[in-house]
Amino acid sequence: MLWKVTKIIGMKKTPEEKLLNPKPGSKVAAAQEFGIDLTLLVENLRLTPDQRIRNLQKSMRNLHRLRQDAEVRGVQNHDRT
């Protein structure tokens, strides 16, 4: 409904507003209806590039530890690569 108010009073929506309140029938609305959590995208876009890289590196370290633990326990790797 925010998109109607914005259109009526002539304000442009920020990219964040477009993601959080997509215009009905738009591709963003379709993604939201499909089940994509757009709040996660907005949350990540609020981070600086350095913060995003640090988060990625932390995730990579955690994945590496999980794989090492799985090897120690003898769990098979089901990687499709």
C-alpha atoms as a PDB file:
ATOM      1  CA  MET A   1       0.000   0.000   0.000  1.00  0.00           C
ATOM      2  CA  LEU A   2       2.972   2.301   0.603  1.00  0.00           C
ATOM      3  CA  TRP A   3       3.706   2.279  -3.127  1.00  0.00           C
ATOM      4  CA  LYS A   4       0.313   3.905  -3.811  1.00  0.00           C
ATOM      5  CA  VAL A   5       0.933   6.687  -1.301  1.00  0.00           C
ATOM      6  CA  THR A   6       4.417   7.235  -2.668  1.00  0.00           C
ATOM      7  CA  LYS A   7       3.093   7.419  -6.219  1.00  0.00           C
ATOM      8  CA  ILE A   8       0.281   9.813  -5.295  1.00  0.00           C
ATOM      9  CA  ILE A   9       2.507  12.322  -3.517  1.00  0.00           C
ATOM     10  CA  GLY A  10       5.274  12.007  -6.113  1.00  0.00           C
ATOM     11  CA  MET A  11       8.051  10.705  -3.878  1.00  0.00           C
ATOM     12  CA  LYS A  12      10.595   8.282  -5.223  1.00  0.00           C
ATOM     13  CA  LYS A  13      11.151   5.119  -3.236  1.00  0.00           C
ATOM     14  CA  THR A  14      14.618   4.163  -2.113  1.00  0.00           C
ATOM     15  CA  PRO A  15      15.960   0.782  -3.229  1.00  0.00           C
ATOM     16  CA  GLU A  16      15.395  -0.454   0.327  1.00  0.00           C
ATOM     17  CA  GLU A  17      11.751   0.661   0.239  1.00  0.00           C
ATOM     18  CA  LYS A  18      11.300  -1.056  -3.122  1.00  0.00           C
ATOM     19  CA  LEU A  19      12.516  -4.310  -1.597  1.00  0.00           C
ATOM     20  CA  LEU A  20      10.523  -4.040   1.615  1.00  0.00           C
ATOM     21  CA  ASN A  21       7.302  -2.792  -0.033  1.00  0.00           C
ATOM     22  CA  PRO A  22       7.368  -4.028  -3.622  1.00  0.00           C
ATOM     23  CA  LYS A  23       4.875  -2.809  -6.179  1.00  0.00           C
ATOM     24  CA  PRO A  24       2.247  -5.494  -6.871  1.00  0.00           C
ATOM     25  CA  GLY A  25       3.033  -7.372 -10.061  1.00  0.00           C
ATOM     26  CA  SER A  26       6.722  -6.438 -10.009  1.00  0.00           C
ATOM     27  CA  LYS A  27       9.526  -8.970 -10.152  1.00  0.00           C
ATOM     28  CA  VAL A  28      10.434  -8.106  -6.564  1.00  0.00           C
ATOM     29  CA  ALA A  29       6.842  -8.868  -5.501  1.00  0.00           C
ATOM     30  CA  ALA A  30       7.016 -12.156  -7.416  1.00  0.00           C
ATOM     31  CA  ALA A  31      10.232 -13.071  -5.599  1.00  0.00           C
ATOM     32  CA  GLN A  32       8.603 -12.261  -2.272  1.00  0.00           C
ATOM     33  CA  GLU A  33       5.521 -14.329  -3.151  1.00  0.00           C
ATOM     34  CA  PHE A  34       7.817 -17.204  -4.151  1.00  0.00           C
ATOM     35  CA  GLY A  35       9.178 -17.171  -0.600  1.00  0.00           C
ATOM     36  CA  ILE A  36      12.425 -15.237  -0.881  1.00  0.00           C
ATOM     37  CA  ASP A  37      13.147 -13.361   2.348  1.00  0.00           C
ATOM     38  CA  LEU A  38      13.884  -9.879   1.071  1.00  0.00           C
ATOM     39  CA  THR A  39      14.627  -8.618   4.583  1.00  0.00           C
ATOM     40  CA  LEU A  40      17.830 -10.690   4.515  1.00  0.00           C
ATOM     41  CA  LEU A  41      18.863  -8.971   1.295  1.00  0.00           C
ATOM     42  CA  VAL A  42      18.148  -5.551   2.783  1.00  0.00           C
ATOM     43  CA  GLU A  43      20.049  -6.486   5.931  1.00  0.00           C
ATOM     44  CA  ASN A  44      23.110  -7.477   3.892  1.00  0.00           C
ATOM     45  CA  LEU A  45      22.930  -4.392   1.704  1.00  0.00           C
ATOM     46  CA  ARG A  46      23.064  -2.240   4.836  1.00  0.00           C
ATOM     47  CA  LEU A  47      26.521  -3.679   5.583  1.00  0.00           C
ATOM     48  CA  THR A  48      29.688  -2.212   4.176  1.00  0.00           C
ATOM     49  CA  PRO A  49      31.596  -4.286   1.612  1.00  0.00           C
ATOM     50  CA  ASP A  50      34.231  -5.002   4.298  1.00  0.00           C
ATOM     51  CA  GLN A  51      31.551  -6.284   6.680  1.00  0.00           C
ATOM     52  CA  ARG A  52      30.108  -8.513   3.960  1.00  0.00           C
ATOM     53  CA  ILE A  53      33.550  -9.948   3.202  1.00  0.00           C
ATOM     54  CA  ARG A  54      34.159 -10.620   6.913  1.00  0.00           C
ATOM     55  CA  ASN A  55      30.801 -12.398   7.158  1.00  0.00           C
ATOM     56  CA  LEU A  56      31.641 -14.496   4.094  1.00  0.00           C
ATOM     57  CA  GLN A  57      35.057 -15.400   5.485  1.00  0.00           C
ATOM     58  CA  LYS A  58      33.499 -16.387   8.819  1.00  0.00           C
ATOM     59  CA  SER A  59      30.985 -18.598   7.007  1.00  0.00           C
ATOM     60  CA  MET A  60      33.779 -20.197   4.984  1.00  0.00           C
ATOM     61  CA  ARG A  61      35.775 -20.930   8.161  1.00  0.00           C
ATOM     62  CA  ASN A  62      32.699 -22.488   9.781  1.00  0.00           C
ATOM     63  CA  LEU A  63      32.046 -24.650   6.725  1.00  0.00           C
ATOM     64  CA  HIS A  64      35.684 -25.778   6.728  1.00  0.00           C
ATOM     65  CA  ARG A  65      35.409 -26.747  10.420  1.00  0.00           C
ATOM     66  CA  LEU A  66      32.200 -28.668   9.775  1.00  0.00           C
ATOM     67  CA  ARG A  67      33.846 -30.603   6.955  1.00  0.00           C
ATOM     68  CA  GLN A  68      36.849 -31.379   9.146  1.00  0.00           C
ATOM     69  CA  ASP A  69      34.577 -32.610  11.938  1.00  0.00           C
ATOM     70  CA  ALA A  70      32.657 -34.744   9.468  1.00  0.00           C
ATOM     71  CA  GLU A  71      35.909 -36.318   8.235  1.00  0.00           C
ATOM     72  CA  VAL A  72      36.973 -37.133  11.787  1.00  0.00           C
ATOM     73  CA  ARG A  73      33.608 -38.779  12.415  1.00  0.00           C
ATOM     74  CA  GLY A  74      33.745 -40.647   9.108  1.00  0.00           C
ATOM     75  CA  VAL A  75      30.750 -38.915   7.575  1.00  0.00           C
ATOM     76  CA  GLN A  76      30.837 -39.126   3.793  1.00  0.00           C
ATOM     77  CA  ASN A  77      31.007 -36.013   1.671  1.00  0.00           C
ATOM     78  CA  HIS A  78      27.919 -35.634  -0.492  1.00  0.00           C
ATOM     79  CA  ASP A  79      29.302 -32.668  -2.377  1.00  0.00           C
ATOM     80  CA  ARG A  80      28.083 -32.576  -5.971  1.00  0.00           C
ATOM     81  CA  THR A  81      31.062 -30.696  -7.356  1.00  0.00           C
END
